[in-house]
Amino acid sequence: MSTEQTTAIVLRTVEFSETSLIVTLLTKDLGQVSAIAKGARRPKGPFEGALDLLAVCRVVVLRKNSDALDLLTEAKLHRRFRGADKSLERLYGGYYVAEMLRLLLVDHSPHSEVYDLTIRVLQQLDGTGNVAESLFFFDLQILRMLGHSPGIESCTECGAKVIADRRIPFSLEGGGIVCRPCRPRQRSILMVRGEIIDQIKRLQNSELQGPVEIPHQLHGELRNLVNRYIQNVVGRLPRMQAFLPMMTKTETIA
């Protein structure tokens, strides 16, 4: 066993016993970690309310050498997520980010750039950033970082150049655009506007440091494509996707 100190974002908490929780954390140095937090449910427990969903904490984790869960021995709150104080859309956006991380990451596989991306996106959701654009940025960037980017440079079936057109075939099964000759061999095709492919190219840019402005009239079609593509990647329907359509509207911050 070894003791590790790092910063972490709380992705989920599940009741384990009358006094304890199982917590899922995205850490800066250790990747995603699942650990038991003993005494966390006590009114005056050792974690002092630091394990709220999406809170950023400084944690101490006792790593186990076997398949047993790690042990969370300390968590000191650095910053809470307060998106719910501003709007339901911001709260749902935070929940969506947490769910996507749990679906895409495996335990103990460090991805410091994913951690940094998540911090940037949560700051946008917790502040005055556009919710829909922040989530588009998150989705396309995390897919890129984890090697799941949709193929948009050439036909994903034969590698040929895809002729630019008003509508371009996008194969969900093939994971990207396809040329006209290859289209009949695909079972799951979406016909998407060329502007949508252009926005995906922008959002996949490895030098992109934050959300970019996307024409509002493209939000609905882009979200539909990204949702369907993610379902194909993770093999299931993420629960929070059902709450995303409301985020394509323009939000007014009080």
Protein backbone atom coordinates (compact mmCIF):
# COMPACT_ATOMS: atom_id res chain seq x y z
CA MET A 1 0.00 0.00 0.00
CA SER A 2 1.08 3.57 -0.66
CA THR A 3 -0.23 6.97 0.37
CA GLU A 4 -0.82 9.55 -2.36
CA GLN A 5 -1.69 13.26 -2.09
CA THR A 6 -3.31 15.08 -5.00
CA THR A 7 -6.13 17.40 -6.00
CA ALA A 8 -9.44 15.87 -7.03
CA ILE A 9 -12.92 16.59 -8.35
CA VAL A 10 -15.79 14.65 -6.77
CA LEU A 11 -17.68 12.82 -9.55
CA ARG A 12 -20.03 10.63 -7.51
CA THR A 13 -20.84 9.53 -3.97
CA VAL A 14 -22.72 6.33 -3.07
CA GLU A 15 -23.85 5.28 0.39
CA PHE A 16 -21.75 2.32 1.59
CA SER A 17 -22.83 1.92 5.18
CA GLU A 18 -24.54 3.94 7.90
CA THR A 19 -21.44 6.09 8.24
CA SER A 20 -19.38 5.68 5.04
CA LEU A 21 -19.45 6.53 1.34
CA ILE A 22 -17.89 5.15 -1.80
CA VAL A 23 -16.61 8.14 -3.74
CA THR A 24 -15.48 8.43 -7.34
CA LEU A 25 -12.83 11.10 -7.86
CA LEU A 26 -11.09 12.54 -10.89
CA THR A 27 -7.60 13.29 -9.61
CA LYS A 28 -4.83 15.37 -11.08
CA ASP A 29 -2.13 12.70 -10.71
CA LEU A 30 -3.85 9.32 -10.32
CA GLY A 31 -6.64 9.49 -12.88
CA GLN A 32 -10.08 8.31 -11.82
CA VAL A 33 -10.14 6.73 -8.37
CA SER A 34 -12.86 4.87 -6.47
CA ALA A 35 -12.36 4.86 -2.72
CA ILE A 36 -14.13 4.32 0.58
CA ALA A 37 -14.52 7.40 2.75
CA LYS A 38 -15.08 6.02 6.25
CA GLY A 39 -17.16 8.22 8.51
CA ALA A 40 -18.13 10.59 5.70
CA ARG A 41 -21.86 10.35 6.52
CA ARG A 42 -21.45 11.32 10.14
CA PRO A 43 -22.78 14.82 11.01
CA LYS A 44 -19.34 15.79 12.25
CA GLY A 45 -17.31 13.42 10.12
CA PRO A 46 -13.65 13.73 9.18
CA PHE A 47 -14.34 15.25 5.73
CA GLU A 48 -16.30 18.33 6.87
CA GLY A 49 -18.61 18.49 3.85
CA ALA A 50 -15.75 18.38 1.36
CA LEU A 51 -17.29 15.54 -0.68
CA ASP A 52 -20.12 17.47 -2.35
CA LEU A 53 -20.63 16.58 -6.02
CA LEU A 54 -18.19 18.45 -8.30
CA ALA A 55 -16.32 19.99 -5.37
CA VAL A 56 -12.56 20.42 -5.84
CA CYS A 57 -10.57 19.04 -2.91
CA ARG A 58 -7.07 18.28 -1.74
CA VAL A 59 -7.17 14.57 -0.92
CA VAL A 60 -5.04 11.85 0.62
CA VAL A 61 -5.65 8.36 -0.80
CA LEU A 62 -4.32 5.09 0.57
CA ARG A 63 -3.75 2.97 -2.52
CA LYS A 64 -4.48 -0.75 -2.20
CA ASN A 65 -2.36 -3.32 -4.02
CA SER A 66 -5.26 -5.74 -4.54
CA ASP A 67 -8.61 -5.32 -6.31
CA ALA A 68 -10.05 -3.79 -3.13
CA LEU A 69 -11.22 -0.20 -3.16
CA ASP A 70 -8.71 2.46 -2.19
CA LEU A 71 -9.19 4.29 1.12
CA LEU A 72 -9.81 8.03 1.21
CA THR A 73 -8.27 9.22 4.47
CA GLU A 74 -8.46 13.01 4.04
CA ALA A 75 -10.27 15.60 1.90
CA LYS A 76 -9.95 19.35 2.36
CA LEU A 77 -12.34 21.51 0.39
CA HIS A 78 -10.80 23.91 -2.09
CA ARG A 79 -13.87 25.05 -4.05
CA ARG A 80 -17.52 24.05 -4.25
CA PHE A 81 -19.52 23.89 -7.48
CA ARG A 82 -22.26 26.52 -7.18
CA GLY A 83 -23.81 26.33 -10.64
CA ALA A 84 -27.16 25.39 -9.11
CA ASP A 85 -27.30 28.81 -7.45
CA LYS A 86 -27.48 30.42 -10.91
CA SER A 87 -29.60 28.12 -13.07
CA LEU A 88 -30.85 24.58 -13.51
CA GLU A 89 -29.02 24.43 -16.85
CA ARG A 90 -25.68 24.99 -15.12
CA LEU A 91 -26.43 22.31 -12.55
CA TYR A 92 -27.42 19.82 -15.26
CA GLY A 93 -24.32 20.78 -17.23
CA GLY A 94 -22.15 19.89 -14.24
CA TYR A 95 -23.95 16.58 -13.76
CA TYR A 96 -23.43 15.80 -17.46
CA VAL A 97 -19.68 16.44 -17.20
CA ALA A 98 -19.44 14.13 -14.18
CA GLU A 99 -21.36 11.35 -15.93
CA MET A 100 -19.28 11.58 -19.12
CA LEU A 101 -16.05 11.32 -17.14
CA ARG A 102 -17.26 8.21 -15.33
CA LEU A 103 -18.31 6.60 -18.63
CA LEU A 104 -15.14 7.40 -20.56
CA LEU A 105 -12.39 6.94 -17.97
CA VAL A 106 -10.99 3.82 -16.33
CA ASP A 107 -9.64 3.78 -12.79
CA HIS A 108 -5.98 4.56 -12.14
CA SER A 109 -5.23 5.75 -15.69
CA PRO A 110 -3.77 9.27 -15.27
CA HIS A 111 -4.91 11.97 -17.70
CA SER A 112 -3.74 15.30 -16.34
CA GLU A 113 -5.02 17.13 -19.43
CA VAL A 114 -8.51 15.70 -18.84
CA TYR A 115 -8.35 17.01 -15.28
CA ASP A 116 -7.30 20.47 -16.51
CA LEU A 117 -10.07 20.42 -19.15
CA THR A 118 -12.66 19.55 -16.51
CA ILE A 119 -11.53 22.37 -14.24
CA ARG A 120 -11.82 24.87 -17.11
CA VAL A 121 -15.30 23.67 -18.07
CA LEU A 122 -16.59 23.65 -14.49
CA GLN A 123 -15.33 27.22 -14.09
CA GLN A 124 -17.36 28.19 -17.15
CA LEU A 125 -20.48 26.44 -15.83
CA ASP A 126 -19.94 27.90 -12.37
CA GLY A 127 -19.48 31.39 -13.81
CA THR A 128 -21.06 33.15 -16.76
CA GLY A 129 -19.87 30.99 -19.66
CA ASN A 130 -22.37 29.82 -22.27
CA VAL A 131 -23.59 26.41 -21.10
CA ALA A 132 -24.17 24.82 -24.52
CA GLU A 133 -20.84 26.02 -25.92
CA SER A 134 -18.96 24.94 -22.78
CA LEU A 135 -20.34 21.41 -23.16
CA PHE A 136 -19.57 21.25 -26.89
CA PHE A 137 -16.00 22.22 -26.01
CA PHE A 138 -15.86 19.59 -23.27
CA ASP A 139 -17.27 16.79 -25.44
CA LEU A 140 -15.02 17.26 -28.47
CA GLN A 141 -11.91 17.92 -26.40
CA ILE A 142 -12.29 14.90 -24.12
CA LEU A 143 -13.02 12.67 -27.11
CA ARG A 144 -9.81 13.94 -28.70
CA MET A 145 -7.76 13.46 -25.53
CA LEU A 146 -8.94 9.87 -25.09
CA GLY A 147 -8.51 8.88 -28.74
CA HIS A 148 -12.20 8.85 -29.70
CA SER A 149 -12.36 11.85 -32.05
CA PRO A 150 -14.80 11.46 -34.95
CA GLY A 151 -13.08 11.14 -38.31
CA ILE A 152 -13.72 14.27 -40.35
CA GLU A 153 -10.64 14.65 -42.57
CA SER A 154 -11.35 11.82 -45.04
CA CYS A 155 -13.69 8.88 -45.60
CA THR A 156 -13.51 6.61 -42.55
CA GLU A 157 -14.28 3.59 -44.78
CA CYS A 158 -11.81 3.92 -47.69
CA GLY A 159 -9.66 6.93 -46.79
CA ALA A 160 -10.66 8.91 -49.89
CA LYS A 161 -11.22 12.64 -49.80
CA VAL A 162 -14.85 13.52 -49.12
CA ILE A 163 -16.20 16.10 -51.52
CA ALA A 164 -17.55 19.11 -49.66
CA ASP A 165 -21.31 19.40 -50.07
CA ARG A 166 -24.26 21.04 -48.41
CA ARG A 167 -24.96 17.75 -46.64
CA ILE A 168 -22.23 15.23 -45.80
CA PRO A 169 -22.82 11.56 -44.83
CA PHE A 170 -21.67 10.81 -41.26
CA SER A 171 -21.47 7.15 -40.30
CA LEU A 172 -22.13 6.47 -36.63
CA GLU A 173 -20.95 2.89 -37.07
CA GLY A 174 -17.79 3.98 -38.92
CA GLY A 175 -17.09 6.86 -36.55
CA GLY A 176 -16.97 9.73 -39.03
CA ILE A 177 -17.71 11.05 -42.49
CA VAL A 178 -17.88 8.78 -45.53
CA CYS A 179 -17.71 9.36 -49.26
CA ARG A 180 -20.69 8.84 -51.55
CA PRO A 181 -19.49 5.46 -52.94
CA CYS A 182 -19.05 4.06 -49.39
CA ARG A 183 -22.32 5.40 -48.06
CA PRO A 184 -24.52 2.44 -49.18
CA ARG A 185 -22.39 0.04 -47.08
CA GLN A 186 -23.09 1.95 -43.86
CA ARG A 187 -26.06 1.07 -41.64
CA SER A 188 -26.25 4.18 -39.45
CA ILE A 189 -25.95 7.39 -41.45
CA LEU A 190 -26.72 10.98 -40.51
CA MET A 191 -26.69 13.63 -43.21
CA VAL A 192 -25.12 16.70 -41.62
CA ARG A 193 -24.48 20.19 -42.87
CA GLY A 194 -20.97 21.12 -43.89
CA GLU A 195 -21.06 23.87 -41.25
CA ILE A 196 -21.44 21.21 -38.56
CA ILE A 197 -18.29 19.41 -39.73
CA ASP A 198 -16.48 22.77 -39.72
CA GLN A 199 -17.52 23.37 -36.09
CA ILE A 200 -16.29 19.90 -35.08
CA LYS A 201 -12.93 20.68 -36.68
CA ARG A 202 -12.71 23.87 -34.63
CA LEU A 203 -13.69 22.10 -31.40
CA GLN A 204 -11.15 19.30 -31.91
CA ASN A 205 -8.25 21.73 -32.18
CA SER A 206 -5.61 20.64 -29.66
CA GLU A 207 -4.59 24.28 -29.11
CA LEU A 208 -8.08 25.33 -28.09
CA GLN A 209 -8.04 26.55 -24.49
CA GLY A 210 -11.71 27.27 -23.91
CA PRO A 211 -15.21 27.34 -25.41
CA VAL A 212 -15.70 29.04 -28.77
CA GLU A 213 -18.73 30.88 -30.07
CA ILE A 214 -20.96 28.68 -32.19
CA PRO A 215 -23.85 30.10 -34.27
CA HIS A 216 -27.00 29.50 -32.29
CA GLN A 217 -28.81 28.04 -35.31
CA LEU A 218 -26.29 25.17 -35.38
CA HIS A 219 -26.66 24.19 -31.72
CA GLY A 220 -29.51 21.71 -32.17
CA GLU A 221 -28.00 19.77 -35.08
CA LEU A 222 -24.53 19.76 -33.55
CA ARG A 223 -25.85 18.50 -30.21
CA ASN A 224 -27.83 15.74 -31.91
CA LEU A 225 -24.75 14.54 -33.80
CA VAL A 226 -22.47 14.70 -30.75
CA ASN A 227 -25.04 12.86 -28.61
CA ARG A 228 -25.49 10.07 -31.15
CA TYR A 229 -21.74 9.75 -31.64
CA ILE A 230 -21.09 9.53 -27.88
CA GLN A 231 -23.78 6.86 -27.51
CA ASN A 232 -21.90 4.81 -30.08
CA VAL A 233 -18.56 5.32 -28.28
CA VAL A 234 -19.76 4.39 -24.78
CA GLY A 235 -22.27 1.76 -25.91
CA ARG A 236 -25.23 3.19 -24.04
CA LEU A 237 -27.45 6.24 -23.62
CA PRO A 238 -25.98 8.59 -20.98
CA ARG A 239 -28.73 9.60 -18.57
CA MET A 240 -27.97 13.32 -18.63
CA GLN A 241 -28.22 13.59 -22.42
CA ALA A 242 -32.00 13.89 -22.00
CA PHE A 243 -31.47 17.20 -20.21
CA LEU A 244 -29.18 18.76 -22.82
CA PRO A 245 -31.73 20.10 -25.35
CA MET A 246 -32.75 22.88 -22.96
CA MET A 247 -29.12 24.01 -22.93
CA THR A 248 -29.18 24.97 -26.61
CA LYS A 249 -31.19 28.06 -25.79
CA THR A 250 -29.65 31.37 -24.89
CA GLU A 251 -29.45 31.67 -21.12
CA THR A 252 -29.96 34.92 -19.29
CA ILE A 253 -27.82 35.38 -16.20
CA ALA A 254 -29.35 37.46 -13.45
